[in-house]
Amino acid sequence: MTAETQHQMHAGAAEAAQEALGCTAYSWSPEVHDLYGDPETIIRKMDGMDMELADRRIFVLLTESAGGADIRFFERVGDGEYVVSTWSGDAATGLVGRLADTILGNKGVHCVGEQVRAMLSEYDLEPVGTVPAPANARAAFAHTVRGHGEGTFTRATAALLC
């Protein structure tokens, strides 16, 4: 094994160890924010929140209105990159309650992001691409929130997991 290969393995192990520490810390302290109003009101509310998205490995946005429901699942896959997976449908009845139950039932023991991913598996999330780490909630979520239509009363639930 070359010195370069050993260095790469050590760097990969160090990165994995650091990620595990971050996952453990955030699994103990996930956040869920429910915001209501028309899309522009929700986005203004998000502007006032420091969600530290770039520090998270997994976070989710659920948006719901009379026009339908959307799930956006973000997972960091590299240095500063996230794969975004999506689902859209008529309704996601009871999903916010199930999200809360999953987080509470996890009790900070396991990776809360992986637990939520398993809970969402019935929605057949489809990967749509890779995006750079969002600078803030507006950058990550505004397009999806606005997709519910101008003046539409909407709920946006941001789950900041691990």
C-alpha atoms as a PDB file:
ATOM      1  CA  MET A   1       0.000   0.000   0.000  1.00  0.00           C
ATOM      2  CA  THR A   2       1.434   3.353  -0.990  1.00  0.00           C
ATOM      3  CA  ALA A   3       1.765   6.278   1.371  1.00  0.00           C
ATOM      4  CA  GLU A   4      -0.785   8.187  -0.733  1.00  0.00           C
ATOM      5  CA  THR A   5      -3.329   5.352  -0.427  1.00  0.00           C
ATOM      6  CA  GLN A   6      -2.755   5.208   3.330  1.00  0.00           C
ATOM      7  CA  HIS A   7      -3.265   8.976   3.551  1.00  0.00           C
ATOM      8  CA  GLN A   8      -6.502   8.768   1.553  1.00  0.00           C
ATOM      9  CA  MET A   9      -7.796   5.948   3.769  1.00  0.00           C
ATOM     10  CA  HIS A  10      -6.901   7.909   6.915  1.00  0.00           C
ATOM     11  CA  ALA A  11      -8.565  11.054   5.549  1.00  0.00           C
ATOM     12  CA  GLY A  12     -11.706   9.070   4.646  1.00  0.00           C
ATOM     13  CA  ALA A  13     -11.827   7.466   8.087  1.00  0.00           C
ATOM     14  CA  ALA A  14     -11.360  10.850   9.770  1.00  0.00           C
ATOM     15  CA  GLU A  15     -14.170  12.354   7.667  1.00  0.00           C
ATOM     16  CA  ALA A  16     -16.479   9.427   8.509  1.00  0.00           C
ATOM     17  CA  ALA A  17     -15.647   9.754  12.220  1.00  0.00           C
ATOM     18  CA  GLN A  18     -16.339  13.500  12.150  1.00  0.00           C
ATOM     19  CA  GLU A  19     -19.646  12.914  10.321  1.00  0.00           C
ATOM     20  CA  ALA A  20     -20.651  10.268  12.879  1.00  0.00           C
ATOM     21  CA  LEU A  21     -19.975  12.722  15.726  1.00  0.00           C
ATOM     22  CA  GLY A  22     -22.084  15.379  13.990  1.00  0.00           C
ATOM     23  CA  CYS A  23     -24.848  12.873  13.288  1.00  0.00           C
ATOM     24  CA  THR A  24     -24.844  11.764  16.927  1.00  0.00           C
ATOM     25  CA  ALA A  25     -25.045  15.347  18.189  1.00  0.00           C
ATOM     26  CA  TYR A  26     -27.824  16.356  15.794  1.00  0.00           C
ATOM     27  CA  SER A  27     -29.765  13.116  16.320  1.00  0.00           C
ATOM     28  CA  TRP A  28     -30.044  14.157  19.951  1.00  0.00           C
ATOM     29  CA  SER A  29     -31.260  17.634  19.006  1.00  0.00           C
ATOM     30  CA  PRO A  30     -33.258  17.591  15.762  1.00  0.00           C
ATOM     31  CA  GLU A  31     -35.559  20.495  14.952  1.00  0.00           C
ATOM     32  CA  VAL A  32     -38.925  20.665  13.223  1.00  0.00           C
ATOM     33  CA  HIS A  33     -40.349  24.032  12.179  1.00  0.00           C
ATOM     34  CA  ASP A  34     -43.985  24.380  11.053  1.00  0.00           C
ATOM     35  CA  LEU A  35     -44.737  27.598   9.195  1.00  0.00           C
ATOM     36  CA  TYR A  36     -48.137  28.646   7.860  1.00  0.00           C
ATOM     37  CA  GLY A  37     -49.328  31.325   5.458  1.00  0.00           C
ATOM     38  CA  ASP A  38     -49.042  32.135   1.799  1.00  0.00           C
ATOM     39  CA  PRO A  39     -45.684  31.187   0.208  1.00  0.00           C
ATOM     40  CA  GLU A  40     -44.122  34.661   0.479  1.00  0.00           C
ATOM     41  CA  THR A  41     -45.050  34.896   4.170  1.00  0.00           C
ATOM     42  CA  ILE A  42     -43.497  31.489   4.827  1.00  0.00           C
ATOM     43  CA  ILE A  43     -40.308  32.438   2.987  1.00  0.00           C
ATOM     44  CA  ARG A  44     -40.034  35.710   4.965  1.00  0.00           C
ATOM     45  CA  LYS A  45     -40.403  33.713   8.178  1.00  0.00           C
ATOM     46  CA  MET A  46     -37.644  31.335   7.021  1.00  0.00           C
ATOM     47  CA  ASP A  47     -35.392  34.317   6.320  1.00  0.00           C
ATOM     48  CA  GLY A  48     -35.438  35.080  10.045  1.00  0.00           C
ATOM     49  CA  MET A  49     -34.325  31.584  11.028  1.00  0.00           C
ATOM     50  CA  ASP A  50     -30.778  30.241  11.108  1.00  0.00           C
ATOM     51  CA  MET A  51     -31.380  26.597  10.287  1.00  0.00           C
ATOM     52  CA  GLU A  52     -27.663  25.785   9.781  1.00  0.00           C
ATOM     53  CA  LEU A  53     -28.565  23.614   6.777  1.00  0.00           C
ATOM     54  CA  ALA A  54     -24.978  23.254   5.533  1.00  0.00           C
ATOM     55  CA  ASP A  55     -24.077  21.698   8.911  1.00  0.00           C
ATOM     56  CA  ARG A  56     -26.742  19.003   8.537  1.00  0.00           C
ATOM     57  CA  ARG A  57     -26.290  15.728   6.685  1.00  0.00           C
ATOM     58  CA  ILE A  58     -30.037  15.173   6.179  1.00  0.00           C
ATOM     59  CA  PHE A  59     -32.946  17.603   6.219  1.00  0.00           C
ATOM     60  CA  VAL A  60     -36.464  17.460   4.797  1.00  0.00           C
ATOM     61  CA  LEU A  61     -39.101  19.931   3.651  1.00  0.00           C
ATOM     62  CA  LEU A  62     -42.776  18.954   3.530  1.00  0.00           C
ATOM     63  CA  THR A  63     -45.147  21.473   1.957  1.00  0.00           C
ATOM     64  CA  GLU A  64     -48.925  21.082   1.964  1.00  0.00           C
ATOM     65  CA  SER A  65     -51.830  23.118   0.647  1.00  0.00           C
ATOM     66  CA  ALA A  66     -55.247  22.479  -0.864  1.00  0.00           C
ATOM     67  CA  GLY A  67     -53.404  21.996  -4.170  1.00  0.00           C
ATOM     68  CA  GLY A  68     -51.235  19.086  -3.044  1.00  0.00           C
ATOM     69  CA  ALA A  69     -48.216  18.020  -1.054  1.00  0.00           C
ATOM     70  CA  ASP A  70     -44.491  17.842  -1.735  1.00  0.00           C
ATOM     71  CA  ILE A  71     -41.576  16.195   0.022  1.00  0.00           C
ATOM     72  CA  ARG A  72     -38.000  17.327  -0.605  1.00  0.00           C
ATOM     73  CA  PHE A  73     -35.361  15.103   1.040  1.00  0.00           C
ATOM     74  CA  PHE A  74     -31.811  16.524   1.116  1.00  0.00           C
ATOM     75  CA  GLU A  75     -28.799  14.322   1.875  1.00  0.00           C
ATOM     76  CA  ARG A  76     -25.167  15.412   1.845  1.00  0.00           C
ATOM     77  CA  VAL A  77     -23.144  13.148  -0.426  1.00  0.00           C
ATOM     78  CA  GLY A  78     -19.872  14.987  -0.711  1.00  0.00           C
ATOM     79  CA  ASP A  79     -18.042  18.070   0.339  1.00  0.00           C
ATOM     80  CA  GLY A  80     -20.718  20.716   0.030  1.00  0.00           C
ATOM     81  CA  GLU A  81     -23.098  18.720  -2.180  1.00  0.00           C
ATOM     82  CA  TYR A  82     -26.560  17.337  -1.513  1.00  0.00           C
ATOM     83  CA  VAL A  83     -28.674  14.878  -3.445  1.00  0.00           C
ATOM     84  CA  VAL A  84     -32.284  16.047  -3.543  1.00  0.00           C
ATOM     85  CA  SER A  85     -35.036  13.437  -3.748  1.00  0.00           C
ATOM     86  CA  THR A  86     -38.678  14.398  -4.233  1.00  0.00           C
ATOM     87  CA  TRP A  87     -42.248  13.197  -4.076  1.00  0.00           C
ATOM     88  CA  SER A  88     -45.432  15.070  -5.000  1.00  0.00           C
ATOM     89  CA  GLY A  89     -49.022  14.009  -4.570  1.00  0.00           C
ATOM     90  CA  ASP A  90     -52.527  15.058  -3.643  1.00  0.00           C
ATOM     91  CA  ALA A  91     -51.943  14.829   0.108  1.00  0.00           C
ATOM     92  CA  ALA A  92     -49.529  13.571   2.752  1.00  0.00           C
ATOM     93  CA  THR A  93     -52.175  13.025   5.412  1.00  0.00           C
ATOM     94  CA  GLY A  94     -50.716  12.458   8.854  1.00  0.00           C
ATOM     95  CA  LEU A  95     -47.105  12.727   7.703  1.00  0.00           C
ATOM     96  CA  VAL A  96     -46.142  15.549  10.075  1.00  0.00           C
ATOM     97  CA  GLY A  97     -47.473  13.530  13.026  1.00  0.00           C
ATOM     98  CA  ARG A  98     -45.592  10.446  11.875  1.00  0.00           C
ATOM     99  CA  LEU A  99     -42.456  12.545  11.506  1.00  0.00           C
ATOM    100  CA  ALA A 100     -42.818  13.731  15.104  1.00  0.00           C
ATOM    101  CA  ASP A 101     -43.481  10.171  16.304  1.00  0.00           C
ATOM    102  CA  THR A 102     -40.368   8.915  14.504  1.00  0.00           C
ATOM    103  CA  ILE A 103     -38.158  11.587  16.048  1.00  0.00           C
ATOM    104  CA  LEU A 104     -39.614  11.113  19.521  1.00  0.00           C
ATOM    105  CA  GLY A 105     -39.457   7.323  19.277  1.00  0.00           C
ATOM    106  CA  ASN A 106     -35.802   7.475  18.227  1.00  0.00           C
ATOM    107  CA  LYS A 107     -34.924   9.254  21.499  1.00  0.00           C
ATOM    108  CA  GLY A 108     -31.637  10.454  20.029  1.00  0.00           C
ATOM    109  CA  VAL A 109     -30.258   6.912  20.016  1.00  0.00           C
ATOM    110  CA  HIS A 110     -29.909   6.106  16.318  1.00  0.00           C
ATOM    111  CA  CYS A 111     -29.304   8.353  13.333  1.00  0.00           C
ATOM    112  CA  VAL A 112     -32.539  10.333  13.169  1.00  0.00           C
ATOM    113  CA  GLY A 113     -32.023  11.088   9.478  1.00  0.00           C
ATOM    114  CA  GLU A 114     -31.881   7.381   8.646  1.00  0.00           C
ATOM    115  CA  GLN A 115     -34.952   6.732  10.800  1.00  0.00           C
ATOM    116  CA  VAL A 116     -36.917   9.414   8.930  1.00  0.00           C
ATOM    117  CA  ARG A 117     -35.674   8.095   5.574  1.00  0.00           C
ATOM    118  CA  ALA A 118     -37.074   4.663   6.487  1.00  0.00           C
ATOM    119  CA  MET A 119     -40.385   6.235   7.539  1.00  0.00           C
ATOM    120  CA  LEU A 120     -40.587   8.067   4.185  1.00  0.00           C
ATOM    121  CA  SER A 121     -39.833   4.946   2.117  1.00  0.00           C
ATOM    122  CA  GLU A 122     -43.511   4.447   1.266  1.00  0.00           C
ATOM    123  CA  TYR A 123     -43.435   7.698  -0.711  1.00  0.00           C
ATOM    124  CA  ASP A 124     -41.006   6.397  -3.375  1.00  0.00           C
ATOM    125  CA  LEU A 125     -38.805   9.477  -3.312  1.00  0.00           C
ATOM    126  CA  GLU A 126     -37.119  10.021  -6.684  1.00  0.00           C
ATOM    127  CA  PRO A 127     -33.623  11.549  -6.856  1.00  0.00           C
ATOM    128  CA  VAL A 128     -33.739  14.649  -9.062  1.00  0.00           C
ATOM    129  CA  GLY A 129     -30.171  15.871  -8.873  1.00  0.00           C
ATOM    130  CA  THR A 130     -27.298  17.198  -6.848  1.00  0.00           C
ATOM    131  CA  VAL A 131     -27.157  20.762  -5.559  1.00  0.00           C
ATOM    132  CA  PRO A 132     -24.528  22.773  -3.707  1.00  0.00           C
ATOM    133  CA  ALA A 133     -24.975  23.199   0.039  1.00  0.00           C
ATOM    134  CA  PRO A 134     -27.678  25.827   0.473  1.00  0.00           C
ATOM    135  CA  ALA A 135     -26.584  29.160   1.898  1.00  0.00           C
ATOM    136  CA  ASN A 136     -29.861  29.467   3.820  1.00  0.00           C
ATOM    137  CA  ALA A 137     -33.446  28.222   4.010  1.00  0.00           C
ATOM    138  CA  ARG A 138     -34.606  30.526   1.190  1.00  0.00           C
ATOM    139  CA  ALA A 139     -32.011  29.013  -1.155  1.00  0.00           C
ATOM    140  CA  ALA A 140     -33.053  25.474  -0.213  1.00  0.00           C
ATOM    141  CA  PHE A 141     -36.814  25.806   0.059  1.00  0.00           C
ATOM    142  CA  ALA A 142     -38.251  28.894  -1.693  1.00  0.00           C
ATOM    143  CA  HIS A 143     -38.843  27.244  -5.071  1.00  0.00           C
ATOM    144  CA  THR A 144     -40.816  24.382  -3.507  1.00  0.00           C
ATOM    145  CA  VAL A 145     -42.851  26.675  -1.240  1.00  0.00           C
ATOM    146  CA  ARG A 146     -43.671  29.010  -4.133  1.00  0.00           C
ATOM    147  CA  GLY A 147     -44.779  26.009  -6.170  1.00  0.00           C
ATOM    148  CA  HIS A 148     -48.013  25.950  -4.179  1.00  0.00           C
ATOM    149  CA  GLY A 149     -49.152  29.157  -5.842  1.00  0.00           C
ATOM    150  CA  GLU A 150     -49.295  32.824  -5.034  1.00  0.00           C
ATOM    151  CA  GLY A 151     -51.688  33.594  -2.203  1.00  0.00           C
ATOM    152  CA  THR A 152     -52.299  29.896  -1.409  1.00  0.00           C
ATOM    153  CA  PHE A 153     -52.552  29.084   2.288  1.00  0.00           C
ATOM    154  CA  THR A 154     -49.734  26.615   2.830  1.00  0.00           C
ATOM    155  CA  ARG A 155     -47.944  24.729   5.585  1.00  0.00           C
ATOM    156  CA  ALA A 156     -44.202  24.231   5.274  1.00  0.00           C
ATOM    157  CA  THR A 157     -42.561  21.802   7.680  1.00  0.00           C
ATOM    158  CA  ALA A 158     -38.772  21.847   7.779  1.00  0.00           C
ATOM    159  CA  ALA A 159     -37.234  18.892   9.623  1.00  0.00           C
ATOM    160  CA  LEU A 160     -33.560  19.426  10.430  1.00  0.00           C
ATOM    161  CA  LEU A 161     -32.317  15.986  11.255  1.00  0.00           C
ATOM    162  CA  CYS A 162     -28.712  14.860  11.449  1.00  0.00           C
END
